[in-house]
Protein backbone atom coordinates (compact mmCIF):
# COMPACT_ATOMS: atom_id res chain seq x y z
CA MET A 1 40.09 15.12 16.91
CA LEU A 2 38.13 18.34 16.46
CA ASN A 3 35.52 19.38 18.98
CA LYS A 4 32.12 18.56 17.46
CA ALA A 5 30.81 21.89 18.73
CA TRP A 6 33.08 23.82 16.38
CA PRO A 7 31.44 25.56 13.46
CA GLN A 8 31.15 23.48 10.32
CA PHE A 9 34.24 23.71 8.09
CA ALA A 10 36.47 25.09 10.90
CA GLU A 11 39.21 22.65 9.86
CA THR A 12 39.82 24.80 6.79
CA TRP A 13 40.36 28.00 8.80
CA ILE A 14 43.89 29.37 9.06
CA GLU A 15 44.19 29.07 12.84
CA ASN A 16 43.70 25.31 12.51
CA TRP A 17 46.30 24.70 9.82
CA PRO A 18 49.34 22.64 10.84
CA ASP A 19 52.63 24.55 10.97
CA GLU A 20 53.95 22.83 7.85
CA LEU A 21 50.95 24.06 5.89
CA LEU A 22 51.32 27.59 7.23
CA SER A 23 54.82 27.64 5.79
CA LEU A 24 53.31 27.38 2.29
CA SER A 25 51.38 30.61 2.76
CA PHE A 26 52.20 34.27 3.47
CA PRO A 27 53.81 35.52 6.70
CA HIS A 28 51.17 36.64 9.16
CA ILE A 29 50.27 37.38 12.74
CA GLY A 30 47.16 35.78 14.16
CA ILE A 31 45.13 37.45 16.90
CA ARG A 32 42.67 35.35 18.84
CA LEU A 33 39.66 37.47 19.71
CA GLU A 34 38.39 37.66 23.26
CA GLU A 35 34.65 37.44 23.79
CA ARG A 36 34.24 41.15 24.47
CA GLU A 37 36.18 41.93 21.27
CA VAL A 38 33.87 39.67 19.26
CA HIS A 39 30.89 41.57 20.66
CA ALA A 40 32.49 44.93 19.86
CA LEU A 41 33.30 44.06 16.24
CA ALA A 42 29.98 42.35 15.55
CA ALA A 43 27.96 45.18 17.07
CA LEU A 44 29.85 47.83 15.13
CA ASN A 45 29.58 45.82 11.90
CA GLY A 46 25.84 46.23 12.17
CA ILE A 47 24.63 43.00 10.51
CA GLY A 48 22.64 41.02 13.07
CA CYS A 49 24.03 43.26 15.78
CA HIS A 50 21.01 42.61 18.02
CA ARG A 51 22.54 39.22 18.79
CA PHE A 52 25.56 40.87 20.41
CA ASP A 53 26.24 43.23 23.28
CA ARG A 54 26.71 46.89 22.50
CA CYS A 55 30.08 48.08 21.22
CA ARG A 56 32.22 49.42 24.05
CA GLU A 57 34.80 52.04 23.16
CA GLU A 58 37.39 50.66 25.58
CA ASP A 59 37.23 47.24 23.94
CA LEU A 60 37.70 48.73 20.47
CA CYS A 61 40.63 50.83 21.67
CA ALA A 62 42.35 47.78 23.15
CA LEU A 63 41.78 45.79 19.97
CA GLU A 64 43.04 48.65 17.82
CA ALA A 65 46.26 48.65 19.84
CA LYS A 66 46.69 44.90 19.20
CA PHE A 67 46.22 45.40 15.48
CA ASP A 68 48.65 48.33 15.48
CA GLY A 69 51.30 46.14 17.07
CA ALA A 70 50.80 43.39 14.51
CA ILE A 71 50.79 45.66 11.46
CA ARG A 72 54.06 47.30 12.50
CA ARG A 73 55.65 44.03 11.41
CA PHE A 74 54.47 44.72 7.86
CA PRO A 75 55.38 48.29 6.90
CA GLN A 76 54.11 47.79 3.33
CA GLY A 77 50.63 47.11 4.66
CA ALA A 78 48.71 43.96 5.49
CA PHE A 79 45.80 41.95 4.17
CA ILE A 80 43.10 41.67 6.83
CA ARG A 81 40.84 38.68 7.25
CA LEU A 82 39.24 36.36 9.75
CA GLY A 83 40.68 32.87 9.94
CA SER A 84 37.61 31.76 8.01
CA ARG A 85 37.46 34.40 5.26
CA SER A 86 37.94 38.07 4.42
CA PRO A 87 35.49 41.02 4.44
CA LYS A 88 35.72 41.43 0.68
CA ASP A 89 31.93 41.47 0.34
CA THR A 90 31.68 45.19 1.18
CA VAL A 91 32.29 48.27 -0.94
CA HIS A 92 35.05 49.28 1.45
CA GLY A 93 36.65 45.86 1.18
CA VAL A 94 36.63 46.03 -2.61
CA ILE A 95 38.05 49.56 -2.72
CA THR A 96 40.87 48.84 -0.27
CA ARG A 97 41.40 45.22 -1.40
CA CYS A 98 41.21 44.47 2.35
CA LYS A 99 44.53 46.21 2.87
CA ALA A 100 45.26 48.16 6.05
CA PHE A 101 48.19 50.13 7.44
CA ASP A 102 47.10 50.49 11.06
CA GLY A 103 44.68 49.23 13.67
CA ARG A 104 41.97 51.75 12.92
CA GLN A 105 41.86 50.78 9.25
CA THR A 106 41.76 47.13 10.28
CA ILE A 107 38.72 47.66 12.48
CA ARG A 108 36.98 49.60 9.74
CA LEU A 109 37.49 46.73 7.31
CA LEU A 110 35.97 44.29 9.77
CA THR A 111 33.02 46.52 10.62
CA SER A 112 31.85 47.93 7.27
CA GLY A 113 28.69 45.87 7.02
CA SER A 114 30.21 42.55 5.97
CA GLU A 115 27.71 39.70 5.80
CA ARG A 116 30.63 37.27 5.82
CA VAL A 117 32.11 38.68 9.01
CA ALA A 118 28.68 38.83 10.66
CA TYR A 119 27.84 35.23 9.83
CA ASP A 120 31.21 33.84 10.90
CA LEU A 121 31.31 35.73 14.21
CA ARG A 122 27.77 34.62 14.94
CA ALA A 123 28.57 30.96 14.12
CA ALA A 124 31.69 31.08 16.28
CA ARG A 125 29.81 32.54 19.22
CA LYS A 126 27.04 29.97 18.91
CA ALA A 127 29.63 27.19 19.05
CA ASN A 128 31.58 28.88 21.86
CA TYR A 129 34.54 29.02 19.49
CA PRO A 130 37.01 31.93 19.70
CA PRO A 131 37.49 33.41 16.19
CA TRP A 132 40.79 34.80 14.96
CA VAL A 133 41.83 37.81 12.91
CA PHE A 134 44.89 37.46 10.70
CA VAL A 135 47.14 40.32 9.73
CA ARG A 136 48.88 38.96 6.65
CA GLN A 137 51.90 40.42 4.90
CA TRP A 138 50.69 42.26 1.82
CA ALA A 139 51.55 40.75 -1.55
CA ASP A 140 50.59 42.12 -4.95
CA ILE A 141 48.97 39.16 -6.67
CA SER A 142 48.38 39.42 -10.40
CA PRO A 143 44.72 38.46 -10.99
CA GLU A 144 45.66 36.23 -13.90
CA MET A 145 47.95 34.25 -11.59
CA GLU A 146 45.40 33.26 -8.98
CA PHE A 147 43.79 29.83 -9.30
CA ARG A 148 41.19 27.72 -7.54
CA CYS A 149 42.13 24.06 -7.21
CA PHE A 150 39.91 21.11 -6.38
CA MET A 151 41.30 18.13 -4.46
CA LYS A 152 39.31 14.96 -3.83
CA ASN A 153 40.81 11.94 -2.07
CA ARG A 154 44.10 13.87 -2.24
CA ARG A 155 44.02 13.88 -6.02
CA LEU A 156 43.81 17.04 -8.08
CA ILE A 157 40.57 16.83 -10.07
CA GLY A 158 40.48 20.34 -11.55
CA VAL A 159 42.07 23.79 -11.64
CA SER A 160 40.31 26.99 -12.69
CA GLN A 161 41.15 30.63 -13.04
CA TYR A 162 40.04 32.31 -9.83
CA PHE A 163 38.74 35.35 -11.72
CA TYR A 164 36.81 33.10 -14.04
CA GLN A 165 34.71 35.81 -15.71
CA THR A 166 37.76 37.54 -17.18
CA SER A 167 40.04 36.37 -19.97
CA PHE A 168 43.72 37.25 -19.73
CA PRO A 169 45.73 37.25 -22.99
CA VAL A 170 48.91 36.20 -21.17
CA LEU A 171 47.25 32.86 -20.41
CA ASP A 172 46.91 32.13 -24.12
CA SER A 173 50.64 31.45 -24.22
CA PRO A 174 51.46 27.72 -24.24
CA GLU A 175 54.78 28.52 -22.58
CA ILE A 176 53.10 30.34 -19.69
CA ARG A 177 50.55 27.57 -19.32
CA ASN A 178 53.24 24.91 -19.19
CA THR A 179 55.17 26.91 -16.59
CA ILE A 180 52.04 27.25 -14.46
CA LYS A 181 51.36 23.56 -14.85
CA THR A 182 54.86 22.59 -13.79
CA VAL A 183 55.02 24.92 -10.78
CA LEU A 184 51.56 23.87 -9.60
CA ALA A 185 52.47 20.20 -9.91
CA GLU A 186 55.46 20.72 -7.62
CA PHE A 187 53.32 22.62 -5.12
CA PHE A 188 50.53 20.06 -5.14
CA ALA A 189 52.93 17.23 -4.41
CA VAL A 190 53.66 18.97 -1.09
CA PHE A 191 50.21 20.36 -0.33
CA SER A 192 48.41 17.04 -0.83
CA LYS A 193 50.45 15.50 1.99
CA LEU A 194 49.96 18.40 4.41
CA SER A 195 46.27 19.18 3.92
CA PRO A 196 44.22 18.56 7.08
CA LEU A 197 41.43 17.09 4.93
CA ASP A 198 41.31 14.66 2.01
CA ASN A 199 38.79 16.80 0.12
CA VAL A 200 39.27 20.58 -0.11
CA VAL A 201 39.13 23.50 -2.50
CA PHE A 202 42.28 25.57 -2.18
CA ASP A 203 43.33 28.86 -3.74
CA VAL A 204 46.86 29.65 -4.79
CA ALA A 205 48.81 32.59 -6.17
CA LEU A 206 51.67 32.09 -8.63
CA PHE A 207 54.65 34.37 -8.85
CA LEU A 208 56.50 33.84 -12.13
CA ASP A 209 59.69 35.73 -11.35
CA LYS A 210 63.27 34.43 -11.63
CA ALA A 211 62.34 31.64 -9.25
CA PRO A 212 58.69 30.77 -10.00
CA HIS A 213 56.82 29.72 -6.89
CA VAL A 214 53.36 29.26 -5.41
CA LYS A 215 51.79 30.65 -2.25
CA LEU A 216 48.74 29.14 -0.59
CA VAL A 217 46.04 31.80 -0.26
CA GLU A 218 43.30 29.89 1.55
CA ILE A 219 41.51 26.58 1.95
CA ASN A 220 37.78 26.22 1.39
CA PRO A 221 35.33 23.40 2.05
CA PHE A 222 34.83 20.86 -0.72
CA HIS A 223 31.16 21.74 -0.81
CA PRO A 224 28.66 23.37 -3.20
CA LEU A 225 28.70 26.48 -1.00
CA THR A 226 32.21 27.08 -2.38
CA GLN A 227 32.28 28.81 -5.78
CA ALA A 228 33.23 26.29 -8.47
CA CYS A 229 34.50 28.97 -10.92
CA LEU A 230 34.78 27.39 -14.40
CA PHE A 231 33.59 24.02 -13.11
CA SER A 232 30.21 23.02 -11.72
CA TRP A 233 29.39 20.87 -8.71
CA HIS A 234 28.22 18.01 -10.90
CA ALA A 235 30.62 15.19 -10.07
CA SER A 236 31.21 14.34 -13.73
CA ASP A 237 32.42 17.87 -14.47
CA PHE A 238 35.65 17.51 -12.47
CA ASP A 239 37.69 15.91 -15.22
CA GLY A 240 41.21 16.88 -14.19
CA GLY A 241 41.15 19.82 -16.58
CA PHE A 242 42.95 23.13 -16.25
CA ARG A 243 40.31 25.66 -17.27
CA PHE A 244 40.81 29.20 -18.48
CA ALA A 245 38.25 31.78 -19.49
CA GLN A 246 37.81 31.84 -23.23
CA SER A 247 39.37 34.66 -25.19
CA GLU A 248 38.65 35.90 -28.68
CA SER A 249 42.13 35.04 -29.88
CA LYS A 250 42.14 31.46 -28.57
CA PRO A 251 38.71 30.19 -27.54
CA GLU A 252 40.11 27.19 -25.66
CA PRO A 253 38.32 26.66 -22.33
CA PHE A 254 40.81 24.25 -20.79
CA MET A 255 44.01 22.29 -21.27
CA ASP A 256 44.84 18.74 -20.23
CA PHE A 257 45.96 18.57 -16.61
CA PHE A 258 45.97 14.83 -15.96
CA PRO A 259 49.71 14.56 -15.20
CA LEU A 260 49.07 16.26 -11.84
CA CYS A 261 46.73 13.45 -10.87
CA GLU A 262 49.21 10.62 -11.41
């Protein structure tokens, strides 16, 4: 049973995933932050820094060395994030796509004025919960092949394009859609049994190469604070549909997805 003092939604964070669930995602190295390292990152990040001790150079240097050691395992670069979420809400995060090649770049990503990082470090400290940083093997994910999935009572009640404001012509193909549907169905059959919660919103990336497969990107709370993409948080809107952004060539907003719910 989880400690009630943990921050809300901590069950969805990577460091709390069971090993079997971790195997569905990308290779990574997790680094549990010590209290002085939390203070150093939060102070340097600048958002709400008055709630933390000043940034000490020796603490940053030690943390940089830890990140260097982890990233050496991934010579093609690594995606940097907290266990809770990534610092993609900054200009630097957008430009770099949260990719780093060494410890210094990792620290810069985590300290570039991210509201997300600031909030999560503050919540963790308030709950006396040690946050984690994950150095994740870099993977080039095609934006049209990333999807947000909604699971309630371990049933799939909707799937949406993750980048829901953009239409991708490749997704107009019935063949591609059927392939996505089939591969996701196989993945969901496994994920639904391993999820730590009955109700979650989870993001996946599809790789349609010679052996099509799915990788789990992250798990989010089943809560209105989580972006619903092409759905809305009205209960009646989750109809089991597979929704795509409309395109001029085929203005079809969704396709039937009920077989995944059987």
